[in-house]
Amino acid sequence: MKIGKLEILKDLYEEIYIPQEVYNEIEAGKHKNYYLNLLEFKWIKIEQIQDRKSIAYFLDLDKGEAEAIILATETEADLILIDESLGRYHAKHAGLNVTGTIGILIKAKKQALISELKPLIFELREKGVWLSDSFIERILELSNEI
């Protein structure tokens, strides 16, 4: 997570699986100040997808998102974390339960793992995550922070 809250995923889900291509994308960003070496976290499992040919069905997605959907399908995952709308569309049509970073943060607040969403949402925005003003306002209203 760009906001230094990776432990939220462990607290919520105990263990997560990341496809090899997502790991490769993260490794390509080693120069970013929020980079973390995922190999240091025993609760994060980096997996290869089994059906490499199925990537061809997702030509409009980047490889990381395509592999995430394939891996989630192959492992019958309970949930997939995707923020991009096109990736979410494909994941839902694959019959997967989908959430995003904001959904994770809302769940973390409901479980008292974090006390406030607002500073984290604005930190995401500062680090390049596009969130509209109306979306932020709606999330903060739903979280009783306005």
N, C-alpha and C. Protein backbone atom coordinates (compact mmCIF):
# COMPACT_ATOMS: atom_id res chain seq x y z
N MET A 1 0.84 -1.18 0.00
CA MET A 1 0.00 0.00 0.00
C MET A 1 0.88 1.24 0.00
N LYS A 2 0.48 2.18 -0.77
CA LYS A 2 1.25 3.41 -0.90
C LYS A 2 1.29 4.22 0.39
N ILE A 3 0.42 3.88 1.34
CA ILE A 3 0.31 4.69 2.55
C ILE A 3 0.89 4.00 3.78
N GLY A 4 1.67 2.96 3.57
CA GLY A 4 2.34 2.32 4.70
C GLY A 4 1.43 1.56 5.64
N LYS A 5 0.35 1.03 5.14
CA LYS A 5 -0.60 0.31 5.99
C LYS A 5 -0.79 -1.14 5.55
N LEU A 6 0.27 -1.75 5.05
CA LEU A 6 0.19 -3.11 4.55
C LEU A 6 -0.31 -4.08 5.63
N GLU A 7 0.02 -3.80 6.87
CA GLU A 7 -0.38 -4.69 7.96
C GLU A 7 -1.90 -4.81 8.09
N ILE A 8 -2.63 -3.85 7.57
CA ILE A 8 -4.09 -3.94 7.59
C ILE A 8 -4.55 -5.20 6.85
N LEU A 9 -3.90 -5.50 5.74
CA LEU A 9 -4.27 -6.69 4.98
C LEU A 9 -4.05 -7.96 5.81
N LYS A 10 -2.95 -8.00 6.55
CA LYS A 10 -2.69 -9.15 7.42
C LYS A 10 -3.73 -9.24 8.52
N ASP A 11 -4.05 -8.10 9.12
CA ASP A 11 -5.03 -8.08 10.21
C ASP A 11 -6.42 -8.51 9.73
N LEU A 12 -6.77 -8.12 8.52
CA LEU A 12 -8.10 -8.45 7.99
C LEU A 12 -8.18 -9.86 7.42
N TYR A 13 -7.11 -10.31 6.77
CA TYR A 13 -7.20 -11.55 5.98
C TYR A 13 -6.19 -12.63 6.35
N GLU A 14 -5.28 -12.36 7.26
CA GLU A 14 -4.26 -13.29 7.74
C GLU A 14 -3.22 -13.66 6.69
N GLU A 15 -3.67 -13.92 5.46
CA GLU A 15 -2.75 -14.33 4.40
C GLU A 15 -3.33 -13.85 3.07
N ILE A 16 -2.44 -13.37 2.20
CA ILE A 16 -2.90 -12.95 0.88
C ILE A 16 -2.01 -13.58 -0.19
N TYR A 17 -2.59 -13.70 -1.37
CA TYR A 17 -1.88 -14.27 -2.51
C TYR A 17 -1.74 -13.22 -3.58
N ILE A 18 -0.54 -13.12 -4.12
CA ILE A 18 -0.24 -12.14 -5.16
C ILE A 18 0.32 -12.90 -6.36
N PRO A 19 -0.21 -12.62 -7.55
CA PRO A 19 0.36 -13.29 -8.72
C PRO A 19 1.76 -12.75 -9.03
N GLN A 20 2.54 -13.58 -9.67
CA GLN A 20 3.93 -13.24 -9.99
C GLN A 20 4.04 -11.89 -10.71
N GLU A 21 3.15 -11.62 -11.64
CA GLU A 21 3.24 -10.38 -12.41
C GLU A 21 3.02 -9.14 -11.54
N VAL A 22 2.12 -9.22 -10.57
CA VAL A 22 1.93 -8.09 -9.64
C VAL A 22 3.21 -7.89 -8.84
N TYR A 23 3.80 -8.98 -8.37
CA TYR A 23 5.07 -8.89 -7.66
C TYR A 23 6.13 -8.23 -8.54
N ASN A 24 6.19 -8.63 -9.82
CA ASN A 24 7.16 -8.04 -10.75
C ASN A 24 6.93 -6.54 -10.89
N GLU A 25 5.67 -6.12 -10.97
CA GLU A 25 5.35 -4.70 -11.09
C GLU A 25 5.79 -3.93 -9.84
N ILE A 26 5.59 -4.54 -8.68
CA ILE A 26 6.01 -3.90 -7.43
C ILE A 26 7.53 -3.79 -7.40
N GLU A 27 8.21 -4.84 -7.81
CA GLU A 27 9.68 -4.83 -7.84
C GLU A 27 10.22 -3.79 -8.82
N ALA A 28 9.49 -3.55 -9.89
CA ALA A 28 9.92 -2.53 -10.86
C ALA A 28 9.86 -1.13 -10.24
N GLY A 29 9.11 -0.99 -9.16
CA GLY A 29 8.98 0.30 -8.47
C GLY A 29 9.86 0.42 -7.24
N LYS A 30 10.95 -0.32 -7.18
CA LYS A 30 11.84 -0.30 -6.02
C LYS A 30 12.33 1.10 -5.66
N HIS A 31 12.39 1.97 -6.64
CA HIS A 31 12.89 3.32 -6.41
C HIS A 31 11.88 4.23 -5.69
N LYS A 32 10.64 3.79 -5.58
CA LYS A 32 9.60 4.62 -4.94
C LYS A 32 9.77 4.57 -3.43
N ASN A 33 9.48 5.67 -2.78
CA ASN A 33 9.72 5.74 -1.34
C ASN A 33 8.77 4.88 -0.51
N TYR A 34 7.69 4.40 -1.09
CA TYR A 34 6.77 3.53 -0.35
C TYR A 34 6.97 2.05 -0.68
N TYR A 35 8.03 1.72 -1.40
CA TYR A 35 8.33 0.33 -1.77
C TYR A 35 8.59 -0.53 -0.53
N LEU A 36 8.07 -1.74 -0.56
CA LEU A 36 8.37 -2.74 0.46
C LEU A 36 8.73 -4.04 -0.24
N ASN A 37 9.71 -4.75 0.27
CA ASN A 37 10.07 -6.04 -0.27
C ASN A 37 9.09 -7.07 0.25
N LEU A 38 8.18 -7.52 -0.60
CA LEU A 38 7.13 -8.43 -0.18
C LEU A 38 7.65 -9.80 0.24
N LEU A 39 8.85 -10.15 -0.16
CA LEU A 39 9.43 -11.43 0.23
C LEU A 39 9.72 -11.49 1.73
N GLU A 40 9.75 -10.33 2.39
CA GLU A 40 10.02 -10.28 3.82
C GLU A 40 8.79 -10.58 4.66
N PHE A 41 7.62 -10.69 4.03
CA PHE A 41 6.37 -10.91 4.74
C PHE A 41 5.90 -12.35 4.52
N LYS A 42 5.98 -13.16 5.55
CA LYS A 42 5.63 -14.59 5.42
C LYS A 42 4.15 -14.79 5.10
N TRP A 43 3.30 -13.84 5.42
CA TRP A 43 1.86 -13.96 5.19
C TRP A 43 1.45 -13.56 3.77
N ILE A 44 2.40 -13.10 2.98
CA ILE A 44 2.15 -12.78 1.57
C ILE A 44 2.74 -13.90 0.73
N LYS A 45 1.88 -14.53 -0.05
CA LYS A 45 2.30 -15.64 -0.89
C LYS A 45 2.31 -15.19 -2.35
N ILE A 46 3.43 -15.36 -3.00
CA ILE A 46 3.56 -14.99 -4.42
C ILE A 46 3.39 -16.27 -5.23
N GLU A 47 2.42 -16.26 -6.12
CA GLU A 47 2.04 -17.48 -6.84
C GLU A 47 2.09 -17.28 -8.35
N GLN A 48 2.42 -18.35 -9.04
CA GLN A 48 2.33 -18.38 -10.49
C GLN A 48 0.92 -18.83 -10.87
N ILE A 49 0.37 -18.24 -11.93
CA ILE A 49 -0.92 -18.75 -12.41
C ILE A 49 -0.66 -20.04 -13.16
N GLN A 50 -1.63 -20.92 -13.19
CA GLN A 50 -1.47 -22.21 -13.86
C GLN A 50 -1.77 -22.11 -15.35
N ASP A 51 -2.84 -21.38 -15.69
CA ASP A 51 -3.29 -21.30 -17.09
C ASP A 51 -2.77 -20.03 -17.74
N ARG A 52 -1.55 -20.05 -18.23
CA ARG A 52 -0.93 -18.87 -18.85
C ARG A 52 -1.68 -18.44 -20.11
N LYS A 53 -2.30 -19.37 -20.80
CA LYS A 53 -3.02 -19.03 -22.03
C LYS A 53 -4.23 -18.14 -21.77
N SER A 54 -4.79 -18.20 -20.58
CA SER A 54 -5.99 -17.42 -20.29
C SER A 54 -5.73 -15.91 -20.24
N ILE A 55 -4.47 -15.51 -20.16
CA ILE A 55 -4.14 -14.07 -20.20
C ILE A 55 -4.65 -13.44 -21.50
N ALA A 56 -4.72 -14.23 -22.56
CA ALA A 56 -5.19 -13.72 -23.86
C ALA A 56 -6.63 -13.21 -23.80
N TYR A 57 -7.41 -13.65 -22.83
CA TYR A 57 -8.79 -13.18 -22.69
C TYR A 57 -8.88 -11.79 -22.08
N PHE A 58 -7.76 -11.27 -21.60
CA PHE A 58 -7.76 -9.99 -20.90
C PHE A 58 -6.82 -8.99 -21.57
N LEU A 59 -6.91 -8.88 -22.87
CA LEU A 59 -6.01 -8.00 -23.63
C LEU A 59 -6.13 -6.54 -23.23
N ASP A 60 -7.29 -6.14 -22.69
CA ASP A 60 -7.50 -4.75 -22.32
C ASP A 60 -7.02 -4.43 -20.90
N LEU A 61 -6.46 -5.42 -20.20
CA LEU A 61 -5.94 -5.21 -18.85
C LEU A 61 -4.42 -5.32 -18.87
N ASP A 62 -3.78 -4.71 -17.86
CA ASP A 62 -2.35 -4.96 -17.75
C ASP A 62 -2.15 -6.38 -17.21
N LYS A 63 -0.94 -6.90 -17.36
CA LYS A 63 -0.69 -8.30 -17.00
C LYS A 63 -0.95 -8.58 -15.53
N GLY A 64 -0.64 -7.61 -14.67
CA GLY A 64 -0.84 -7.81 -13.24
C GLY A 64 -2.30 -8.02 -12.89
N GLU A 65 -3.16 -7.17 -13.43
CA GLU A 65 -4.60 -7.32 -13.16
C GLU A 65 -5.13 -8.62 -13.76
N ALA A 66 -4.70 -8.93 -14.99
CA ALA A 66 -5.14 -10.17 -15.62
C ALA A 66 -4.74 -11.38 -14.78
N GLU A 67 -3.49 -11.41 -14.34
CA GLU A 67 -3.03 -12.53 -13.52
C GLU A 67 -3.76 -12.57 -12.17
N ALA A 68 -4.08 -11.42 -11.60
CA ALA A 68 -4.81 -11.40 -10.33
C ALA A 68 -6.18 -12.06 -10.50
N ILE A 69 -6.86 -11.75 -11.58
CA ILE A 69 -8.18 -12.34 -11.83
C ILE A 69 -8.05 -13.84 -12.07
N ILE A 70 -7.07 -14.23 -12.85
CA ILE A 70 -6.85 -15.66 -13.14
C ILE A 70 -6.50 -16.41 -11.86
N LEU A 71 -5.57 -15.87 -11.07
CA LEU A 71 -5.17 -16.53 -9.83
C LEU A 71 -6.36 -16.65 -8.87
N ALA A 72 -7.13 -15.58 -8.75
CA ALA A 72 -8.30 -15.60 -7.86
C ALA A 72 -9.29 -16.67 -8.31
N THR A 73 -9.45 -16.82 -9.61
CA THR A 73 -10.36 -17.84 -10.15
C THR A 73 -9.78 -19.24 -9.90
N GLU A 74 -8.50 -19.41 -10.18
CA GLU A 74 -7.87 -20.72 -10.01
C GLU A 74 -7.88 -21.19 -8.55
N THR A 75 -7.72 -20.26 -7.63
CA THR A 75 -7.65 -20.62 -6.21
C THR A 75 -8.99 -20.50 -5.50
N GLU A 76 -10.02 -20.12 -6.27
CA GLU A 76 -11.35 -19.90 -5.70
C GLU A 76 -11.28 -18.95 -4.50
N ALA A 77 -10.60 -17.84 -4.71
CA ALA A 77 -10.40 -16.84 -3.66
C ALA A 77 -11.73 -16.27 -3.18
N ASP A 78 -11.76 -15.92 -1.92
CA ASP A 78 -12.95 -15.31 -1.33
C ASP A 78 -13.15 -13.89 -1.83
N LEU A 79 -12.03 -13.22 -2.15
CA LEU A 79 -12.07 -11.80 -2.47
C LEU A 79 -10.86 -11.44 -3.31
N ILE A 80 -11.04 -10.46 -4.21
CA ILE A 80 -9.92 -9.94 -5.00
C ILE A 80 -9.86 -8.43 -4.78
N LEU A 81 -8.66 -7.92 -4.65
CA LEU A 81 -8.43 -6.48 -4.45
C LEU A 81 -7.97 -5.89 -5.77
N ILE A 82 -8.83 -5.07 -6.38
CA ILE A 82 -8.51 -4.37 -7.63
C ILE A 82 -9.11 -2.98 -7.55
N ASP A 83 -8.31 -1.98 -7.89
CA ASP A 83 -8.80 -0.60 -7.87
C ASP A 83 -9.27 -0.10 -9.24
N GLU A 84 -8.63 -0.52 -10.30
CA GLU A 84 -8.97 -0.03 -11.63
C GLU A 84 -10.35 -0.52 -12.05
N SER A 85 -11.17 0.38 -12.61
CA SER A 85 -12.56 0.03 -12.93
C SER A 85 -12.67 -1.08 -13.96
N LEU A 86 -11.82 -1.09 -14.97
CA LEU A 86 -11.89 -2.14 -15.99
C LEU A 86 -11.54 -3.51 -15.39
N GLY A 87 -10.56 -3.53 -14.52
CA GLY A 87 -10.20 -4.77 -13.84
C GLY A 87 -11.32 -5.25 -12.94
N ARG A 88 -11.98 -4.32 -12.26
CA ARG A 88 -13.11 -4.67 -11.40
C ARG A 88 -14.25 -5.25 -12.23
N TYR A 89 -14.48 -4.66 -13.40
CA TYR A 89 -15.52 -5.14 -14.30
C TYR A 89 -15.24 -6.60 -14.69
N HIS A 90 -14.02 -6.89 -15.12
CA HIS A 90 -13.67 -8.25 -15.51
C HIS A 90 -13.76 -9.22 -14.33
N ALA A 91 -13.30 -8.79 -13.16
CA ALA A 91 -13.34 -9.65 -11.98
C ALA A 91 -14.78 -9.99 -11.60
N LYS A 92 -15.65 -9.01 -11.64
CA LYS A 92 -17.06 -9.27 -11.32
C LYS A 92 -17.68 -10.22 -12.33
N HIS A 93 -17.34 -10.04 -13.61
CA HIS A 93 -17.88 -10.94 -14.64
C HIS A 93 -17.28 -12.34 -14.57
N ALA A 94 -16.18 -12.48 -13.86
CA ALA A 94 -15.60 -13.80 -13.62
C ALA A 94 -16.21 -14.43 -12.36
N GLY A 95 -17.16 -13.72 -11.76
CA GLY A 95 -17.85 -14.24 -10.57
C GLY A 95 -17.09 -14.05 -9.27
N LEU A 96 -16.15 -13.12 -9.26
CA LEU A 96 -15.34 -12.88 -8.06
C LEU A 96 -15.93 -11.76 -7.21
N ASN A 97 -15.73 -11.87 -5.92
CA ASN A 97 -16.07 -10.78 -5.01
C ASN A 97 -14.92 -9.78 -5.07
N VAL A 98 -15.25 -8.51 -5.26
CA VAL A 98 -14.24 -7.48 -5.53
C VAL A 98 -14.30 -6.39 -4.46
N THR A 99 -13.13 -5.94 -4.06
CA THR A 99 -13.01 -4.74 -3.25
C THR A 99 -11.81 -3.96 -3.77
N GLY A 100 -11.63 -2.77 -3.23
CA GLY A 100 -10.50 -1.94 -3.59
C GLY A 100 -9.84 -1.40 -2.34
N THR A 101 -8.88 -0.55 -2.54
CA THR A 101 -8.15 0.03 -1.40
C THR A 101 -9.09 0.74 -0.44
N ILE A 102 -10.01 1.53 -0.98
CA ILE A 102 -10.95 2.26 -0.11
C ILE A 102 -11.83 1.28 0.65
N GLY A 103 -12.28 0.23 0.00
CA GLY A 103 -13.09 -0.79 0.67
C GLY A 103 -12.32 -1.44 1.82
N ILE A 104 -11.04 -1.69 1.60
CA ILE A 104 -10.19 -2.26 2.65
C ILE A 104 -10.10 -1.29 3.83
N LEU A 105 -9.90 -0.01 3.51
CA LEU A 105 -9.78 0.99 4.59
C LEU A 105 -11.09 1.15 5.36
N ILE A 106 -12.21 1.10 4.66
CA ILE A 106 -13.51 1.19 5.34
C ILE A 106 -13.69 -0.01 6.27
N LYS A 107 -13.37 -1.20 5.79
CA LYS A 107 -13.47 -2.39 6.63
C LYS A 107 -12.54 -2.29 7.83
N ALA A 108 -11.34 -1.77 7.62
CA ALA A 108 -10.38 -1.60 8.72
C ALA A 108 -10.92 -0.64 9.78
N LYS A 109 -11.59 0.41 9.33
CA LYS A 109 -12.16 1.35 10.29
C LYS A 109 -13.30 0.70 11.07
N LYS A 110 -14.15 -0.04 10.37
CA LYS A 110 -15.26 -0.72 11.05
C LYS A 110 -14.75 -1.71 12.10
N GLN A 111 -13.59 -2.29 11.85
CA GLN A 111 -13.02 -3.25 12.80
C GLN A 111 -12.03 -2.59 13.77
N ALA A 112 -12.02 -1.26 13.77
CA ALA A 112 -11.19 -0.47 14.69
C ALA A 112 -9.69 -0.72 14.50
N LEU A 113 -9.29 -1.06 13.29
CA LEU A 113 -7.86 -1.21 13.00
C LEU A 113 -7.23 0.14 12.68
N ILE A 114 -8.06 1.07 12.24
CA ILE A 114 -7.65 2.46 12.04
C ILE A 114 -8.73 3.33 12.66
N SER A 115 -8.36 4.53 13.07
CA SER A 115 -9.34 5.39 13.72
C SER A 115 -10.00 6.37 12.74
N GLU A 116 -9.30 6.73 11.67
CA GLU A 116 -9.81 7.70 10.71
C GLU A 116 -9.45 7.32 9.28
N LEU A 117 -10.41 7.55 8.39
CA LEU A 117 -10.16 7.35 6.96
C LEU A 117 -9.58 8.59 6.30
N LYS A 118 -10.07 9.74 6.71
CA LYS A 118 -9.76 10.99 6.02
C LYS A 118 -8.28 11.22 5.75
N PRO A 119 -7.41 11.11 6.76
CA PRO A 119 -5.99 11.37 6.46
C PRO A 119 -5.41 10.35 5.48
N LEU A 120 -5.87 9.11 5.54
CA LEU A 120 -5.35 8.08 4.65
C LEU A 120 -5.83 8.30 3.21
N ILE A 121 -7.07 8.71 3.07
CA ILE A 121 -7.61 9.01 1.74
C ILE A 121 -6.84 10.16 1.10
N PHE A 122 -6.58 11.20 1.87
CA PHE A 122 -5.84 12.33 1.32
C PHE A 122 -4.38 11.99 1.07
N GLU A 123 -3.82 11.08 1.85
CA GLU A 123 -2.46 10.62 1.59
C GLU A 123 -2.41 9.83 0.28
N LEU A 124 -3.40 8.99 0.06
CA LEU A 124 -3.49 8.27 -1.23
C LEU A 124 -3.53 9.25 -2.38
N ARG A 125 -4.35 10.26 -2.24
CA ARG A 125 -4.49 11.27 -3.30
C ARG A 125 -3.17 11.98 -3.55
N GLU A 126 -2.47 12.33 -2.47
CA GLU A 126 -1.17 13.01 -2.60
C GLU A 126 -0.14 12.13 -3.30
N LYS A 127 -0.30 10.80 -3.16
CA LYS A 127 0.65 9.87 -3.77
C LYS A 127 0.20 9.39 -5.14
N GLY A 128 -0.73 10.12 -5.74
CA GLY A 128 -1.06 9.87 -7.13
C GLY A 128 -2.29 9.02 -7.40
N VAL A 129 -3.02 8.62 -6.38
CA VAL A 129 -4.26 7.86 -6.60
C VAL A 129 -5.37 8.86 -6.88
N TRP A 130 -6.01 8.70 -8.04
CA TRP A 130 -7.05 9.64 -8.41
C TRP A 130 -8.34 9.29 -7.69
N LEU A 131 -8.83 10.23 -6.89
CA LEU A 131 -10.10 10.11 -6.19
C LEU A 131 -10.83 11.43 -6.37
N SER A 132 -12.05 11.36 -6.88
CA SER A 132 -12.80 12.60 -7.10
C SER A 132 -13.25 13.18 -5.77
N ASP A 133 -13.49 14.47 -5.76
CA ASP A 133 -13.98 15.14 -4.56
C ASP A 133 -15.31 14.54 -4.11
N SER A 134 -16.20 14.27 -5.06
CA SER A 134 -17.51 13.73 -4.70
C SER A 134 -17.39 12.32 -4.12
N PHE A 135 -16.46 11.52 -4.64
CA PHE A 135 -16.24 10.18 -4.11
C PHE A 135 -15.71 10.27 -2.68
N ILE A 136 -14.74 11.12 -2.46
CA ILE A 136 -14.18 11.30 -1.11
C ILE A 136 -15.27 11.76 -0.15
N GLU A 137 -16.06 12.72 -0.58
CA GLU A 137 -17.13 13.22 0.28
C GLU A 137 -18.11 12.11 0.64
N ARG A 138 -18.48 11.30 -0.35
CA ARG A 138 -19.43 10.21 -0.10
C ARG A 138 -18.84 9.18 0.88
N ILE A 139 -17.57 8.84 0.70
CA ILE A 139 -16.92 7.88 1.60
C ILE A 139 -16.84 8.42 3.03
N LEU A 140 -16.48 9.69 3.15
CA LEU A 140 -16.37 10.28 4.48
C LEU A 140 -17.74 10.40 5.16
N GLU A 141 -18.77 10.66 4.37
CA GLU A 141 -20.13 10.68 4.93
C GLU A 141 -20.52 9.30 5.42
N LEU A 142 -20.29 8.28 4.61
CA LEU A 142 -20.64 6.91 5.01
C LEU A 142 -19.85 6.46 6.22
N SER A 143 -18.68 7.04 6.43
CA SER A 143 -17.83 6.67 7.57
C SER A 143 -18.00 7.61 8.75
N ASN A 144 -18.99 8.49 8.65
CA ASN A 144 -19.26 9.46 9.73
C ASN A 144 -18.07 10.33 10.07
N GLU A 145 -17.35 10.77 9.02
CA GLU A 145 -16.21 11.65 9.24
C GLU A 145 -16.46 13.05 8.69
N ILE A 146 -17.69 13.33 8.31
CA ILE A 146 -18.04 14.71 7.89
C ILE A 146 -19.08 15.24 8.84
